[in-house]
Amino acid sequence: MNRRTEADAALEQRIARVLTGTAGFKAPEGLEARVLKVIEQRAAVPWWQRRVPEWPVLAQLLFALTGIAAAAGLLLARPATPKVLGTVISQPAALLQQPAADLHTTLNVLSVFHRLADTMIGALTDSVWYGGLALCAAAYVALFILLAFGYRLLQLPAAR
């Protein structure tokens, strides 16, 4: 017996146990047929049209590796002239020199912003910090109330 058949049998037993407790309730006419039709339609969907976690494991791995390779290719790709290609072939480390220089420049800029932010934060008093925290809390409560009001206004009349 394969795994799918065992899982189906276990599911069938659990459903049967639950349904024995609902013997007093009657389902509408045709409900069973509609439910079975939807289950069959979902089972007939090919694996590549389902959500990625429902794909076979090998397909998931290939999908992840393809995404990683594409991202790496986009990050490292640069227009290459024959001179550049010759340099890369003769000296593979030269390929990483420009990204390393770009990273160094970026880190220098971030360092400047870090020092600026540190200076500005050190200049603020405690009352400014507590006031900012209170303002954030008030904005959070106001947003929550606004969302609750919007839900009641837009969704509840449609449910009636």
N, C-alpha and C. Protein backbone atom coordinates (compact mmCIF):
# COMPACT_ATOMS: atom_id res chain seq x y z
N MET A 1 0.84 -1.18 0.00
CA MET A 1 0.00 0.00 0.00
C MET A 1 0.89 1.24 0.00
N ASN A 2 0.65 2.17 -0.90
CA ASN A 2 1.51 3.35 -0.95
C ASN A 2 1.07 4.39 0.06
N ARG A 3 1.88 5.41 0.21
CA ARG A 3 1.65 6.42 1.24
C ARG A 3 0.35 7.18 1.01
N ARG A 4 0.04 7.49 -0.24
CA ARG A 4 -1.16 8.26 -0.55
C ARG A 4 -2.41 7.50 -0.15
N THR A 5 -2.43 6.20 -0.40
CA THR A 5 -3.59 5.39 -0.06
C THR A 5 -3.76 5.31 1.45
N GLU A 6 -2.67 5.20 2.20
CA GLU A 6 -2.74 5.17 3.66
C GLU A 6 -3.26 6.49 4.20
N ALA A 7 -2.80 7.60 3.63
CA ALA A 7 -3.26 8.91 4.07
C ALA A 7 -4.74 9.08 3.75
N ASP A 8 -5.18 8.60 2.58
CA ASP A 8 -6.59 8.69 2.22
C ASP A 8 -7.44 7.85 3.17
N ALA A 9 -6.96 6.67 3.51
CA ALA A 9 -7.71 5.80 4.43
C ALA A 9 -7.81 6.43 5.82
N ALA A 10 -6.72 7.03 6.29
CA ALA A 10 -6.75 7.67 7.61
C ALA A 10 -7.71 8.86 7.60
N LEU A 11 -7.68 9.63 6.52
CA LEU A 11 -8.60 10.77 6.41
C LEU A 11 -10.04 10.30 6.37
N GLU A 12 -10.30 9.23 5.65
CA GLU A 12 -11.65 8.69 5.55
C GLU A 12 -12.15 8.22 6.92
N GLN A 13 -11.27 7.61 7.70
CA GLN A 13 -11.67 7.15 9.04
C GLN A 13 -11.96 8.32 9.96
N ARG A 14 -11.13 9.37 9.89
CA ARG A 14 -11.38 10.55 10.73
C ARG A 14 -12.69 11.22 10.35
N ILE A 15 -12.96 11.33 9.06
CA ILE A 15 -14.22 11.95 8.61
C ILE A 15 -15.41 11.12 9.06
N ALA A 16 -15.27 9.79 8.97
CA ALA A 16 -16.37 8.91 9.39
C ALA A 16 -16.65 9.08 10.88
N ARG A 17 -15.59 9.21 11.71
CA ARG A 17 -15.79 9.40 13.16
C ARG A 17 -16.52 10.71 13.44
N VAL A 18 -16.15 11.76 12.73
CA VAL A 18 -16.79 13.06 12.95
C VAL A 18 -18.24 13.02 12.48
N LEU A 19 -18.48 12.39 11.35
CA LEU A 19 -19.83 12.37 10.79
C LEU A 19 -20.79 11.52 11.60
N THR A 20 -20.32 10.53 12.34
CA THR A 20 -21.22 9.72 13.16
C THR A 20 -21.84 10.56 14.27
N GLY A 21 -21.13 11.61 14.70
CA GLY A 21 -21.68 12.50 15.73
C GLY A 21 -22.66 13.52 15.18
N THR A 22 -22.79 13.62 13.89
CA THR A 22 -23.70 14.60 13.28
C THR A 22 -24.86 13.92 12.58
N ALA A 23 -25.26 12.75 13.06
CA ALA A 23 -26.31 11.98 12.40
C ALA A 23 -27.65 12.72 12.40
N GLY A 24 -27.87 13.61 13.36
CA GLY A 24 -29.15 14.33 13.44
C GLY A 24 -29.28 15.45 12.43
N PHE A 25 -28.21 15.83 11.78
CA PHE A 25 -28.25 16.93 10.82
C PHE A 25 -28.32 16.39 9.40
N LYS A 26 -29.08 17.06 8.57
CA LYS A 26 -29.20 16.66 7.17
C LYS A 26 -28.52 17.71 6.29
N ALA A 27 -27.74 17.26 5.35
CA ALA A 27 -27.08 18.17 4.41
C ALA A 27 -28.08 18.53 3.31
N PRO A 28 -27.91 19.72 2.73
CA PRO A 28 -28.80 20.11 1.63
C PRO A 28 -28.64 19.16 0.45
N GLU A 29 -29.67 19.11 -0.38
CA GLU A 29 -29.64 18.25 -1.56
C GLU A 29 -28.47 18.63 -2.47
N GLY A 30 -27.75 17.67 -2.92
CA GLY A 30 -26.67 17.90 -3.88
C GLY A 30 -25.37 18.41 -3.29
N LEU A 31 -25.31 18.62 -1.96
CA LEU A 31 -24.08 19.13 -1.35
C LEU A 31 -22.94 18.14 -1.50
N GLU A 32 -23.24 16.88 -1.26
CA GLU A 32 -22.19 15.87 -1.35
C GLU A 32 -21.60 15.82 -2.76
N ALA A 33 -22.46 15.88 -3.76
CA ALA A 33 -21.97 15.84 -5.14
C ALA A 33 -21.11 17.06 -5.46
N ARG A 34 -21.52 18.23 -4.97
CA ARG A 34 -20.73 19.44 -5.22
C ARG A 34 -19.37 19.37 -4.54
N VAL A 35 -19.35 18.88 -3.30
CA VAL A 35 -18.10 18.77 -2.56
C VAL A 35 -17.16 17.79 -3.25
N LEU A 36 -17.67 16.64 -3.65
CA LEU A 36 -16.85 15.66 -4.34
C LEU A 36 -16.34 16.19 -5.68
N LYS A 37 -17.16 16.96 -6.36
CA LYS A 37 -16.75 17.55 -7.65
C LYS A 37 -15.58 18.51 -7.45
N VAL A 38 -15.66 19.36 -6.40
CA VAL A 38 -14.58 20.30 -6.12
C VAL A 38 -13.31 19.56 -5.73
N ILE A 39 -13.43 18.51 -4.94
CA ILE A 39 -12.26 17.73 -4.54
C ILE A 39 -11.60 17.10 -5.77
N GLU A 40 -12.41 16.56 -6.68
CA GLU A 40 -11.87 15.96 -7.90
C GLU A 40 -11.20 17.01 -8.78
N GLN A 41 -11.79 18.21 -8.87
CA GLN A 41 -11.20 19.28 -9.67
C GLN A 41 -9.83 19.69 -9.11
N ARG A 42 -9.74 19.81 -7.79
CA ARG A 42 -8.46 20.18 -7.17
C ARG A 42 -7.42 19.10 -7.35
N ALA A 43 -7.84 17.84 -7.30
CA ALA A 43 -6.89 16.74 -7.48
C ALA A 43 -6.40 16.65 -8.92
N ALA A 44 -7.20 17.15 -9.87
CA ALA A 44 -6.82 17.06 -11.28
C ALA A 44 -5.88 18.18 -11.72
N VAL A 45 -5.63 19.15 -10.85
CA VAL A 45 -4.73 20.26 -11.21
C VAL A 45 -3.30 19.73 -11.28
N PRO A 46 -2.57 20.01 -12.37
CA PRO A 46 -1.18 19.56 -12.46
C PRO A 46 -0.33 20.16 -11.35
N TRP A 47 0.77 19.48 -11.01
CA TRP A 47 1.58 19.91 -9.87
C TRP A 47 2.18 21.28 -10.08
N TRP A 48 2.52 21.67 -11.31
CA TRP A 48 3.18 22.96 -11.55
C TRP A 48 2.21 24.12 -11.46
N GLN A 49 0.90 23.85 -11.38
CA GLN A 49 -0.07 24.91 -11.21
C GLN A 49 -0.52 25.04 -9.76
N ARG A 50 0.05 24.24 -8.90
CA ARG A 50 -0.26 24.31 -7.47
C ARG A 50 0.74 25.22 -6.78
N ARG A 51 0.54 25.42 -5.48
CA ARG A 51 1.48 26.21 -4.70
C ARG A 51 2.82 25.48 -4.64
N VAL A 52 3.89 26.24 -4.52
CA VAL A 52 5.24 25.65 -4.52
C VAL A 52 5.41 24.61 -3.41
N PRO A 53 4.92 24.80 -2.18
CA PRO A 53 5.10 23.76 -1.16
C PRO A 53 4.43 22.43 -1.52
N GLU A 54 3.50 22.43 -2.47
CA GLU A 54 2.84 21.19 -2.86
C GLU A 54 3.55 20.51 -4.03
N TRP A 55 4.60 21.11 -4.55
CA TRP A 55 5.37 20.52 -5.64
C TRP A 55 6.18 19.34 -5.12
N PRO A 56 6.63 18.47 -6.02
CA PRO A 56 7.58 17.42 -5.60
C PRO A 56 8.87 18.05 -5.07
N VAL A 57 9.53 17.36 -4.18
CA VAL A 57 10.72 17.90 -3.51
C VAL A 57 11.81 18.25 -4.53
N LEU A 58 12.02 17.41 -5.52
CA LEU A 58 13.04 17.69 -6.52
C LEU A 58 12.72 18.97 -7.29
N ALA A 59 11.46 19.16 -7.63
CA ALA A 59 11.06 20.39 -8.33
C ALA A 59 11.26 21.61 -7.44
N GLN A 60 10.98 21.49 -6.15
CA GLN A 60 11.21 22.60 -5.22
C GLN A 60 12.69 22.95 -5.16
N LEU A 61 13.54 21.93 -5.07
CA LEU A 61 14.99 22.18 -5.01
C LEU A 61 15.48 22.84 -6.29
N LEU A 62 15.04 22.34 -7.44
CA LEU A 62 15.45 22.94 -8.71
C LEU A 62 14.96 24.38 -8.83
N PHE A 63 13.75 24.63 -8.35
CA PHE A 63 13.20 25.99 -8.37
C PHE A 63 14.06 26.93 -7.51
N ALA A 64 14.41 26.48 -6.31
CA ALA A 64 15.23 27.30 -5.41
C ALA A 64 16.63 27.52 -6.00
N LEU A 65 17.23 26.47 -6.52
CA LEU A 65 18.57 26.62 -7.11
C LEU A 65 18.55 27.53 -8.34
N THR A 66 17.50 27.43 -9.14
CA THR A 66 17.38 28.31 -10.30
C THR A 66 17.24 29.76 -9.87
N GLY A 67 16.46 30.00 -8.83
CA GLY A 67 16.32 31.37 -8.32
C GLY A 67 17.62 31.92 -7.78
N ILE A 68 18.36 31.09 -7.05
CA ILE A 68 19.65 31.53 -6.51
C ILE A 68 20.63 31.81 -7.64
N ALA A 69 20.66 30.92 -8.64
CA ALA A 69 21.57 31.12 -9.77
C ALA A 69 21.21 32.38 -10.55
N ALA A 70 19.91 32.62 -10.74
CA ALA A 70 19.49 33.82 -11.46
C ALA A 70 19.87 35.09 -10.69
N ALA A 71 19.67 35.07 -9.38
CA ALA A 71 20.03 36.23 -8.56
C ALA A 71 21.54 36.47 -8.60
N ALA A 72 22.31 35.40 -8.48
CA ALA A 72 23.77 35.55 -8.54
C ALA A 72 24.21 36.06 -9.90
N GLY A 73 23.59 35.55 -10.94
CA GLY A 73 23.92 36.01 -12.29
C GLY A 73 23.61 37.48 -12.49
N LEU A 74 22.48 37.92 -11.96
CA LEU A 74 22.12 39.33 -12.10
C LEU A 74 23.04 40.23 -11.28
N LEU A 75 23.47 39.74 -10.12
CA LEU A 75 24.35 40.56 -9.30
C LEU A 75 25.76 40.66 -9.88
N LEU A 76 26.21 39.59 -10.51
CA LEU A 76 27.58 39.58 -11.01
C LEU A 76 27.70 39.96 -12.49
N ALA A 77 26.57 40.00 -13.18
CA ALA A 77 26.62 40.27 -14.62
C ALA A 77 26.97 41.73 -14.89
N ARG A 78 27.88 41.92 -15.80
CA ARG A 78 28.25 43.25 -16.26
C ARG A 78 28.50 43.14 -17.76
N PRO A 79 28.26 44.21 -18.49
CA PRO A 79 28.59 44.14 -19.92
C PRO A 79 30.06 43.83 -20.09
N ALA A 80 30.37 42.83 -20.88
CA ALA A 80 31.75 42.38 -21.01
C ALA A 80 32.25 42.61 -22.44
N THR A 81 33.35 43.28 -22.54
CA THR A 81 34.04 43.45 -23.82
C THR A 81 35.04 42.32 -23.96
N PRO A 82 35.55 42.09 -25.16
CA PRO A 82 36.57 41.03 -25.29
C PRO A 82 37.78 41.25 -24.39
N LYS A 83 38.16 42.52 -24.18
CA LYS A 83 39.29 42.79 -23.31
C LYS A 83 38.99 42.35 -21.87
N VAL A 84 37.76 42.67 -21.42
CA VAL A 84 37.37 42.28 -20.06
C VAL A 84 37.29 40.76 -19.95
N LEU A 85 36.72 40.11 -20.96
CA LEU A 85 36.63 38.65 -20.92
C LEU A 85 38.02 38.01 -20.88
N GLY A 86 38.96 38.58 -21.65
CA GLY A 86 40.32 38.05 -21.62
C GLY A 86 40.95 38.19 -20.25
N THR A 87 40.68 39.31 -19.59
CA THR A 87 41.21 39.53 -18.25
C THR A 87 40.59 38.54 -17.26
N VAL A 88 39.28 38.32 -17.39
CA VAL A 88 38.58 37.40 -16.48
C VAL A 88 39.10 35.99 -16.67
N ILE A 89 39.34 35.60 -17.92
CA ILE A 89 39.82 34.24 -18.15
C ILE A 89 41.25 34.07 -17.63
N SER A 90 42.07 35.07 -17.83
CA SER A 90 43.46 34.94 -17.38
C SER A 90 43.60 35.16 -15.88
N GLN A 91 42.76 36.03 -15.31
CA GLN A 91 42.82 36.31 -13.87
C GLN A 91 41.40 36.28 -13.30
N PRO A 92 40.90 35.11 -12.86
CA PRO A 92 39.52 35.00 -12.37
C PRO A 92 39.24 35.92 -11.18
N ALA A 93 40.23 36.22 -10.37
CA ALA A 93 40.01 37.09 -9.20
C ALA A 93 39.65 38.51 -9.62
N ALA A 94 40.01 38.89 -10.85
CA ALA A 94 39.70 40.23 -11.33
C ALA A 94 38.19 40.45 -11.44
N LEU A 95 37.44 39.35 -11.60
CA LEU A 95 35.99 39.45 -11.70
C LEU A 95 35.39 40.02 -10.42
N LEU A 96 36.00 39.74 -9.28
CA LEU A 96 35.46 40.19 -8.00
C LEU A 96 36.04 41.51 -7.53
N GLN A 97 36.98 42.08 -8.23
CA GLN A 97 37.59 43.33 -7.78
C GLN A 97 36.60 44.49 -7.81
N GLN A 98 35.82 44.62 -8.88
CA GLN A 98 34.87 45.74 -8.96
C GLN A 98 33.73 45.61 -7.94
N PRO A 99 33.08 44.42 -7.80
CA PRO A 99 32.07 44.31 -6.74
C PRO A 99 32.65 44.57 -5.36
N ALA A 100 33.89 44.14 -5.11
CA ALA A 100 34.51 44.39 -3.80
C ALA A 100 34.73 45.88 -3.60
N ALA A 101 35.15 46.59 -4.65
CA ALA A 101 35.34 48.04 -4.54
C ALA A 101 34.00 48.74 -4.32
N ASP A 102 32.96 48.27 -5.01
CA ASP A 102 31.62 48.84 -4.81
C ASP A 102 31.15 48.62 -3.37
N LEU A 103 31.39 47.43 -2.84
CA LEU A 103 31.00 47.13 -1.47
C LEU A 103 31.76 48.01 -0.49
N HIS A 104 33.04 48.22 -0.73
CA HIS A 104 33.86 49.09 0.14
C HIS A 104 33.31 50.51 0.13
N THR A 105 32.97 51.03 -1.03
CA THR A 105 32.40 52.38 -1.12
C THR A 105 31.07 52.46 -0.39
N THR A 106 30.24 51.46 -0.57
CA THR A 106 28.93 51.44 0.10
C THR A 106 29.11 51.41 1.61
N LEU A 107 30.04 50.60 2.10
CA LEU A 107 30.27 50.54 3.54
C LEU A 107 30.80 51.87 4.08
N ASN A 108 31.62 52.57 3.31
CA ASN A 108 32.09 53.88 3.74
C ASN A 108 30.94 54.87 3.86
N VAL A 109 30.03 54.86 2.88
CA VAL A 109 28.87 55.76 2.94
C VAL A 109 28.00 55.41 4.14
N LEU A 110 27.76 54.10 4.36
CA LEU A 110 26.95 53.70 5.52
C LEU A 110 27.62 54.09 6.83
N SER A 111 28.94 54.05 6.87
CA SER A 111 29.67 54.44 8.06
C SER A 111 29.44 55.93 8.37
N VAL A 112 29.43 56.75 7.34
CA VAL A 112 29.17 58.18 7.53
C VAL A 112 27.77 58.39 8.09
N PHE A 113 26.79 57.70 7.51
CA PHE A 113 25.42 57.84 8.01
C PHE A 113 25.29 57.31 9.43
N HIS A 114 26.01 56.25 9.76
CA HIS A 114 25.97 55.71 11.12
C HIS A 114 26.50 56.73 12.12
N ARG A 115 27.63 57.36 11.80
CA ARG A 115 28.19 58.38 12.70
C ARG A 115 27.25 59.57 12.84
N LEU A 116 26.60 59.97 11.73
CA LEU A 116 25.65 61.08 11.78
C LEU A 116 24.45 60.73 12.65
N ALA A 117 23.90 59.53 12.46
CA ALA A 117 22.75 59.11 13.26
C ALA A 117 23.13 58.99 14.73
N ASP A 118 24.32 58.48 15.02
CA ASP A 118 24.77 58.36 16.40
C ASP A 118 24.89 59.73 17.06
N THR A 119 25.41 60.69 16.34
CA THR A 119 25.53 62.05 16.87
C THR A 119 24.16 62.66 17.13
N MET A 120 23.23 62.48 16.19
CA MET A 120 21.90 63.05 16.35
C MET A 120 21.13 62.39 17.48
N ILE A 121 21.25 61.06 17.59
CA ILE A 121 20.53 60.33 18.64
C ILE A 121 21.07 60.72 20.01
N GLY A 122 22.38 60.91 20.12
CA GLY A 122 22.98 61.29 21.39
C GLY A 122 22.54 62.69 21.83
N ALA A 123 22.15 63.53 20.89
CA ALA A 123 21.76 64.90 21.22
C ALA A 123 20.30 64.99 21.71
N LEU A 124 19.51 63.94 21.51
CA LEU A 124 18.10 63.99 21.91
C LEU A 124 17.95 63.71 23.40
N THR A 125 17.04 64.42 24.04
CA THR A 125 16.79 64.22 25.47
C THR A 125 15.81 63.07 25.67
N ASP A 126 15.69 62.63 26.94
CA ASP A 126 14.77 61.54 27.24
C ASP A 126 13.33 61.92 26.96
N SER A 127 12.96 63.17 27.18
CA SER A 127 11.57 63.59 26.94
C SER A 127 11.21 63.45 25.46
N VAL A 128 12.17 63.67 24.57
CA VAL A 128 11.90 63.50 23.14
C VAL A 128 11.68 62.02 22.84
N TRP A 129 12.48 61.15 23.44
CA TRP A 129 12.30 59.71 23.22
C TRP A 129 10.94 59.23 23.72
N TYR A 130 10.57 59.65 24.95
CA TYR A 130 9.28 59.23 25.51
C TYR A 130 8.13 59.83 24.72
N GLY A 131 8.28 61.05 24.27
CA GLY A 131 7.24 61.67 23.44
C GLY A 131 7.08 60.94 22.11
N GLY A 132 8.19 60.54 21.49
CA GLY A 132 8.13 59.78 20.24
C GLY A 132 7.49 58.42 20.44
N LEU A 133 7.80 57.77 21.57
CA LEU A 133 7.20 56.49 21.88
C LEU A 133 5.70 56.64 22.08
N ALA A 134 5.28 57.68 22.81
CA ALA A 134 3.85 57.93 23.02
C ALA A 134 3.16 58.23 21.69
N LEU A 135 3.81 58.99 20.83
CA LEU A 135 3.23 59.30 19.52
C LEU A 135 3.06 58.03 18.69
N CYS A 136 4.03 57.14 18.72
CA CYS A 136 3.93 55.87 17.98
C CYS A 136 2.78 55.03 18.53
N ALA A 137 2.64 54.98 19.85
CA ALA A 137 1.55 54.21 20.46
C ALA A 137 0.20 54.80 20.07
N ALA A 138 0.08 56.13 20.10
CA ALA A 138 -1.18 56.77 19.71
C ALA A 138 -1.49 56.52 18.24
N ALA A 139 -0.48 56.57 17.39
CA ALA A 139 -0.70 56.30 15.97
C ALA A 139 -1.14 54.86 15.75
N TYR A 140 -0.58 53.92 16.51
CA TYR A 140 -0.97 52.52 16.39
C TYR A 140 -2.43 52.33 16.79
N VAL A 141 -2.83 52.92 17.90
CA VAL A 141 -4.22 52.81 18.36
C VAL A 141 -5.16 53.45 17.34
N ALA A 142 -4.79 54.62 16.83
CA ALA A 142 -5.63 55.31 15.84
C ALA A 142 -5.77 54.46 14.57
N LEU A 143 -4.69 53.85 14.14
CA LEU A 143 -4.76 53.00 12.96
C LEU A 143 -5.66 51.80 13.21
N PHE A 144 -5.56 51.20 14.38
CA PHE A 144 -6.40 50.05 14.72
C PHE A 144 -7.87 50.46 14.70
N ILE A 145 -8.19 51.60 15.30
CA ILE A 145 -9.58 52.08 15.31
C ILE A 145 -10.06 52.37 13.90
N LEU A 146 -9.22 52.99 13.10
CA LEU A 146 -9.58 53.30 11.72
C LEU A 146 -9.85 52.03 10.92
N LEU A 147 -9.02 51.02 11.10
CA LEU A 147 -9.23 49.76 10.39
C LEU A 147 -10.51 49.06 10.85
N ALA A 148 -10.78 49.08 12.14
CA ALA A 148 -12.01 48.47 12.66
C ALA A 148 -13.23 49.20 12.10
N PHE A 149 -13.18 50.52 12.07
CA PHE A 149 -14.29 51.31 11.52
C PHE A 149 -14.46 51.00 10.03
N GLY A 150 -13.36 50.96 9.30
CA GLY A 150 -13.45 50.66 7.87
C GLY A 150 -13.99 49.28 7.61
N TYR A 151 -13.62 48.31 8.42
CA TYR A 151 -14.14 46.96 8.26
C TYR A 151 -15.64 46.95 8.48
N ARG A 152 -16.07 47.59 9.55
CA ARG A 152 -17.51 47.62 9.83
C ARG A 152 -18.28 48.34 8.73
N LEU A 153 -17.70 49.40 8.24
CA LEU A 153 -18.37 50.20 7.21
C LEU A 153 -18.44 49.46 5.88
N LEU A 154 -17.35 48.79 5.49
CA LEU A 154 -17.29 48.21 4.16
C LEU A 154 -17.69 46.74 4.09
N GLN A 155 -17.41 45.96 5.13
CA GLN A 155 -17.62 44.53 5.04
C GLN A 155 -18.94 44.05 5.63
N LEU A 156 -19.35 44.61 6.73
CA LEU A 156 -20.55 44.10 7.38
C LEU A 156 -21.81 44.30 6.56
N PRO A 157 -22.02 45.43 5.87
CA PRO A 157 -23.25 45.52 5.06
C PRO A 157 -23.27 44.48 3.94
N ALA A 158 -22.13 44.10 3.42
CA ALA A 158 -22.10 43.08 2.36
C ALA A 158 -22.46 41.72 2.90
N ALA A 159 -22.21 41.46 4.19
CA ALA A 159 -22.50 40.16 4.78
C ALA A 159 -23.97 39.98 5.10
N ARG A 160 -24.71 41.04 5.20
CA ARG A 160 -26.16 40.93 5.56
C ARG A 160 -26.99 40.44 4.43
